[in-house]
Amino acid sequence: MSNKVVNFVPNRIDRDPSVIMGVTGPEVFQIVWMCIPAFILFGIVSGILFQSFVGGLFSGFLGAIINLFGGILLVAKVKRNKPPHYIAHKKVKKLDKLGIKPAPIIYSTEHFRSTRD
């Protein structure tokens, strides 16, 4: 028996998703989490080059902002004219084909035999 609790919030069901520059809110958060390593990398490299903590911090923020907007534009371009959840389903299918994580969605058509024969 599963211990999952289903959260049913009726006021969120009919609400339109928040879209920023053609990318939904959860996708923006994923892009932000991917910008954190860029912030650290640019900050350390530019801090060493400028020999300044403030210069490294400024360059790190600048690099993270550039990566954020670049990532949003790239994801929006990939999603254009594709069905909803295209990127998420593509990732799930890729992990399933690699054998890393089984897909919780059915993404291929297969013919099943009835067990009641």
Protein backbone atom coordinates (compact mmCIF):
# COMPACT_ATOMS: atom_id res chain seq x y z
CA MET A 1 0.00 0.00 0.00
CA SER A 2 1.38 3.39 -0.94
CA ASN A 3 1.75 6.07 1.70
CA LYS A 4 1.34 8.86 -0.83
CA VAL A 5 -1.12 11.56 0.04
CA VAL A 6 -2.92 13.04 -2.93
CA ASN A 7 -3.09 16.81 -2.72
CA PHE A 8 -6.22 17.97 -4.49
CA VAL A 9 -6.36 21.72 -4.76
CA PRO A 10 -9.38 22.74 -6.89
CA ASN A 11 -8.39 26.40 -7.16
CA ARG A 12 -5.16 25.45 -8.99
CA ILE A 13 -6.69 23.04 -11.48
CA ASP A 14 -8.30 25.62 -13.74
CA ARG A 15 -5.56 28.23 -13.43
CA ASP A 16 -3.34 28.88 -16.43
CA PRO A 17 0.32 28.00 -15.86
CA SER A 18 2.75 30.85 -15.36
CA VAL A 19 4.68 31.32 -18.58
CA ILE A 20 7.81 33.45 -18.81
CA MET A 21 9.11 34.10 -22.31
CA GLY A 22 7.50 30.86 -23.57
CA VAL A 23 8.79 28.71 -20.69
CA THR A 24 6.68 27.48 -17.76
CA GLY A 25 7.49 28.20 -14.13
CA PRO A 26 8.94 24.75 -13.24
CA GLU A 27 11.18 24.88 -16.31
CA VAL A 28 12.46 28.30 -15.24
CA PHE A 29 13.33 26.87 -11.82
CA GLN A 30 15.24 24.02 -13.49
CA ILE A 31 17.16 26.55 -15.58
CA VAL A 32 17.92 28.59 -12.45
CA TRP A 33 19.28 25.49 -10.70
CA MET A 34 21.51 24.85 -13.72
CA CYS A 35 22.79 28.45 -13.54
CA ILE A 36 24.18 27.95 -10.03
CA PRO A 37 27.23 25.95 -11.23
CA ALA A 38 27.81 28.63 -13.88
CA PHE A 39 27.75 31.29 -11.15
CA ILE A 40 30.32 29.36 -9.11
CA LEU A 41 32.54 28.54 -12.10
CA PHE A 42 32.54 32.06 -13.56
CA GLY A 43 33.02 33.52 -10.09
CA ILE A 44 36.05 31.40 -9.28
CA VAL A 45 37.71 31.78 -12.69
CA SER A 46 37.16 35.52 -12.95
CA GLY A 47 38.10 36.01 -9.29
CA ILE A 48 41.43 34.34 -9.99
CA LEU A 49 41.93 36.33 -13.20
CA PHE A 50 41.01 39.69 -11.64
CA GLN A 51 42.61 38.76 -8.31
CA SER A 52 39.58 40.28 -6.65
CA PHE A 53 36.72 38.75 -4.69
CA VAL A 54 34.31 41.51 -5.74
CA GLY A 55 35.29 41.14 -9.41
CA GLY A 56 34.72 37.40 -9.21
CA LEU A 57 31.38 37.88 -7.51
CA PHE A 58 30.25 40.42 -10.11
CA SER A 59 31.40 38.23 -13.02
CA GLY A 60 29.69 35.21 -11.46
CA PHE A 61 26.38 37.06 -11.23
CA LEU A 62 26.79 38.38 -14.77
CA GLY A 63 27.54 34.88 -16.10
CA ALA A 64 24.57 33.38 -14.25
CA ILE A 65 22.20 36.04 -15.63
CA ILE A 66 23.49 35.51 -19.17
CA ASN A 67 23.06 31.74 -18.76
CA LEU A 68 19.56 32.23 -17.34
CA PHE A 69 18.32 34.27 -20.28
CA GLY A 70 20.19 32.10 -22.78
CA GLY A 71 18.70 28.96 -21.21
CA ILE A 72 15.19 30.39 -21.28
CA LEU A 73 15.53 31.36 -24.93
CA LEU A 74 17.00 27.96 -25.84
CA VAL A 75 14.26 25.99 -24.07
CA ALA A 76 11.57 28.21 -25.60
CA LYS A 77 13.06 27.58 -29.05
CA VAL A 78 13.14 23.81 -28.49
CA LYS A 79 9.53 23.79 -27.23
CA ARG A 80 8.12 25.89 -30.07
CA ASN A 81 5.33 24.05 -31.95
CA LYS A 82 5.74 20.96 -29.75
CA PRO A 83 3.06 19.34 -27.54
CA PRO A 84 2.82 20.20 -23.84
CA HIS A 85 5.44 18.59 -21.57
CA TYR A 86 7.60 17.76 -24.59
CA ILE A 87 10.92 18.27 -22.82
CA ALA A 88 9.89 16.42 -19.64
CA HIS A 89 8.62 13.42 -21.61
CA LYS A 90 11.72 13.42 -23.79
CA LYS A 91 13.88 13.26 -20.65
CA VAL A 92 11.77 10.43 -19.19
CA LYS A 93 12.01 8.44 -22.43
CA LYS A 94 15.79 8.95 -22.58
CA LEU A 95 16.27 7.72 -18.98
CA ASP A 96 14.04 4.71 -19.71
CA LYS A 97 15.97 3.77 -22.86
CA LEU A 98 19.27 4.05 -20.97
CA GLY A 99 17.84 1.78 -18.25
CA ILE A 100 18.41 4.35 -15.50
CA LYS A 101 14.82 4.92 -14.42
CA PRO A 102 11.64 3.23 -15.69
CA ALA A 103 9.19 5.57 -17.36
CA PRO A 104 5.96 6.24 -15.45
CA ILE A 105 4.27 7.15 -18.75
CA ILE A 106 3.38 4.96 -21.71
CA TYR A 107 5.15 6.44 -24.70
CA SER A 108 5.01 3.60 -27.20
CA THR A 109 2.19 1.55 -28.62
CA GLU A 110 2.36 -2.14 -27.87
CA HIS A 111 -0.14 -4.93 -28.35
CA PHE A 112 -1.01 -6.89 -25.24
CA ARG A 113 -2.67 -10.29 -25.04
CA SER A 114 -5.60 -10.72 -22.78
CA THR A 115 -4.96 -13.01 -19.80
CA ARG A 116 -8.60 -14.07 -19.69
CA ASP A 117 -8.41 -16.33 -22.76
